[in-house]
Amino acid sequence: MSLGPLLSAPLPIPWHAFAALAALAIGGAQLALPKGTPSHRVMGYAWAALMLVIAVSSFWIQQIRLIGPFSPIHLLSILVLVTAPLAVWYAHTHRVAAHRGAMIKLFALIGAGIFTLLPGRIMHTVMFGQ
């Protein structure tokens, strides 16, 4: 494993990757720790902010161009840009079930990150070498 390919990639890619790794760690902790605590709230805001960084930075990552400069994965970014603030608003207005559902759906998007491990992608090189 070497971070070299990631650190030498164009600027939005490292931001995107490091935000995704941080969101994975915080999201996992959020799932395991008690809900409704002050630390849950603080970590939740951090996680939602990281998800927004991931979504926004994705629009400058355009290696897979299927629809102009974009790919279908960018539809997930739009989904995050809508759902993350909505999920925070649900929590703020004490709509716990809606908040939980929205956050779980957002956390499930981590599955899309698996595709970054395909051969030819930067994260594949980071994890497995050339």
Protein backbone atom coordinates (compact mmCIF):
# COMPACT_ATOMS: atom_id res chain seq x y z
CA MET A 1 0.00 0.00 0.00
CA SER A 2 1.30 3.41 -0.99
CA LEU A 3 -0.33 6.83 -0.75
CA GLY A 4 1.99 8.13 -3.48
CA PRO A 5 -0.48 7.75 -6.36
CA LEU A 6 -3.20 9.45 -4.34
CA LEU A 7 -1.02 12.33 -3.18
CA SER A 8 0.25 12.95 -6.73
CA ALA A 9 -3.27 12.89 -8.22
CA PRO A 10 -4.99 16.14 -9.25
CA LEU A 11 -6.21 18.13 -6.24
CA PRO A 12 -9.88 17.17 -5.92
CA ILE A 13 -9.04 13.46 -5.85
CA PRO A 14 -7.06 13.44 -2.57
CA TRP A 15 -9.67 15.69 -0.90
CA HIS A 16 -12.40 13.34 -2.09
CA ALA A 17 -10.56 10.21 -0.94
CA PHE A 18 -9.49 11.50 2.47
CA ALA A 19 -12.96 12.90 3.15
CA ALA A 20 -14.43 9.52 2.20
CA LEU A 21 -12.06 7.65 4.53
CA ALA A 22 -12.85 10.05 7.38
CA ALA A 23 -16.60 9.70 6.69
CA LEU A 24 -16.26 5.93 6.74
CA ALA A 25 -14.58 6.04 10.16
CA ILE A 26 -16.98 8.58 11.67
CA GLY A 27 -20.01 6.87 10.14
CA GLY A 28 -18.96 3.54 11.55
CA ALA A 29 -18.52 5.08 14.98
CA GLN A 30 -21.92 6.76 14.69
CA LEU A 31 -23.57 3.41 13.99
CA ALA A 32 -21.90 1.83 17.03
CA LEU A 33 -22.18 4.61 19.62
CA PRO A 34 -25.29 5.72 21.55
CA LYS A 35 -27.67 8.02 19.69
CA GLY A 36 -28.94 11.39 20.83
CA THR A 37 -25.84 12.36 22.81
CA PRO A 38 -23.92 15.60 22.35
CA SER A 39 -21.02 13.65 20.82
CA HIS A 40 -23.44 11.98 18.38
CA ARG A 41 -24.63 15.42 17.31
CA VAL A 42 -21.11 16.81 16.83
CA MET A 43 -19.92 13.72 14.96
CA GLY A 44 -23.11 13.82 12.88
CA TYR A 45 -22.44 17.39 11.76
CA ALA A 46 -18.86 16.43 10.91
CA TRP A 47 -20.04 13.37 8.97
CA ALA A 48 -22.65 15.37 7.03
CA ALA A 49 -20.03 18.01 6.20
CA LEU A 50 -17.63 15.31 4.97
CA MET A 51 -20.38 13.82 2.81
CA LEU A 52 -20.92 17.25 1.26
CA VAL A 53 -17.17 17.59 0.60
CA ILE A 54 -17.21 14.16 -1.06
CA ALA A 55 -20.21 15.07 -3.22
CA VAL A 56 -18.96 18.51 -4.27
CA SER A 57 -15.42 17.33 -4.98
CA SER A 58 -16.77 14.53 -7.19
CA PHE A 59 -17.88 17.05 -9.81
CA TRP A 60 -14.21 17.82 -10.52
CA ILE A 61 -13.33 14.13 -10.86
CA GLN A 62 -14.15 13.32 -14.44
CA GLN A 63 -12.06 10.34 -15.51
CA ILE A 64 -15.15 8.35 -16.48
CA ARG A 65 -17.00 10.50 -19.01
CA LEU A 66 -20.28 8.98 -20.13
CA ILE A 67 -22.57 12.02 -20.12
CA GLY A 68 -20.46 14.98 -21.20
CA PRO A 69 -17.81 15.37 -18.47
CA PHE A 70 -19.88 13.35 -15.99
CA SER A 71 -20.73 9.74 -15.22
CA PRO A 72 -23.78 8.13 -13.61
CA ILE A 73 -21.94 8.18 -10.27
CA HIS A 74 -22.47 11.97 -10.25
CA LEU A 75 -26.19 11.30 -9.80
CA LEU A 76 -25.26 9.90 -6.39
CA SER A 77 -23.47 13.17 -5.65
CA ILE A 78 -26.66 15.09 -6.39
CA LEU A 79 -28.53 12.69 -4.12
CA VAL A 80 -26.03 13.41 -1.32
CA LEU A 81 -26.31 17.18 -1.84
CA VAL A 82 -30.06 16.91 -1.29
CA THR A 83 -30.22 14.15 1.32
CA ALA A 84 -27.45 15.19 3.75
CA PRO A 85 -28.94 18.62 4.58
CA LEU A 86 -32.39 17.05 4.69
CA ALA A 87 -31.20 14.41 7.15
CA VAL A 88 -29.68 17.10 9.38
CA TRP A 89 -32.94 19.05 9.22
CA TYR A 90 -34.86 15.90 10.21
CA ALA A 91 -32.67 15.58 13.30
CA HIS A 92 -33.02 19.27 14.10
CA THR A 93 -36.82 18.97 13.94
CA HIS A 94 -36.78 15.74 15.99
CA ARG A 95 -38.05 13.54 13.14
CA VAL A 96 -35.90 10.67 14.36
CA ALA A 97 -37.22 7.91 12.08
CA ALA A 98 -36.80 10.07 8.95
CA HIS A 99 -33.32 11.14 10.13
CA ARG A 100 -32.26 7.54 10.77
CA GLY A 101 -33.54 6.38 7.40
CA ALA A 102 -31.83 9.18 5.48
CA MET A 103 -28.52 8.69 7.28
CA ILE A 104 -28.53 4.93 6.76
CA LYS A 105 -29.19 5.44 3.05
CA LEU A 106 -26.32 7.91 2.85
CA PHE A 107 -23.99 5.57 4.73
CA ALA A 108 -24.93 2.81 2.28
CA LEU A 109 -23.40 4.91 -0.51
CA ILE A 110 -20.06 3.75 0.82
CA GLY A 111 -20.78 0.73 -1.33
CA ALA A 112 -20.12 2.96 -4.35
CA GLY A 113 -16.60 3.40 -3.00
CA ILE A 114 -15.92 -0.27 -3.69
CA PHE A 115 -15.80 0.59 -7.40
CA THR A 116 -12.74 2.78 -6.75
CA LEU A 117 -10.83 -0.45 -6.14
CA LEU A 118 -11.27 -1.63 -9.74
CA PRO A 119 -8.08 -2.00 -11.80
CA GLY A 120 -7.08 1.23 -13.49
CA ARG A 121 -8.42 3.44 -10.70
CA ILE A 122 -6.14 5.42 -8.36
CA MET A 123 -7.37 3.67 -5.20
CA HIS A 124 -6.62 0.29 -6.78
CA THR A 125 -3.02 1.44 -7.26
CA VAL A 126 -2.92 2.80 -3.69
CA MET A 127 -4.16 -0.47 -2.22
CA PHE A 128 -2.61 -3.08 -4.50
CA GLY A 129 0.21 -1.34 -6.39
CA GLN A 130 0.66 -1.37 -10.16
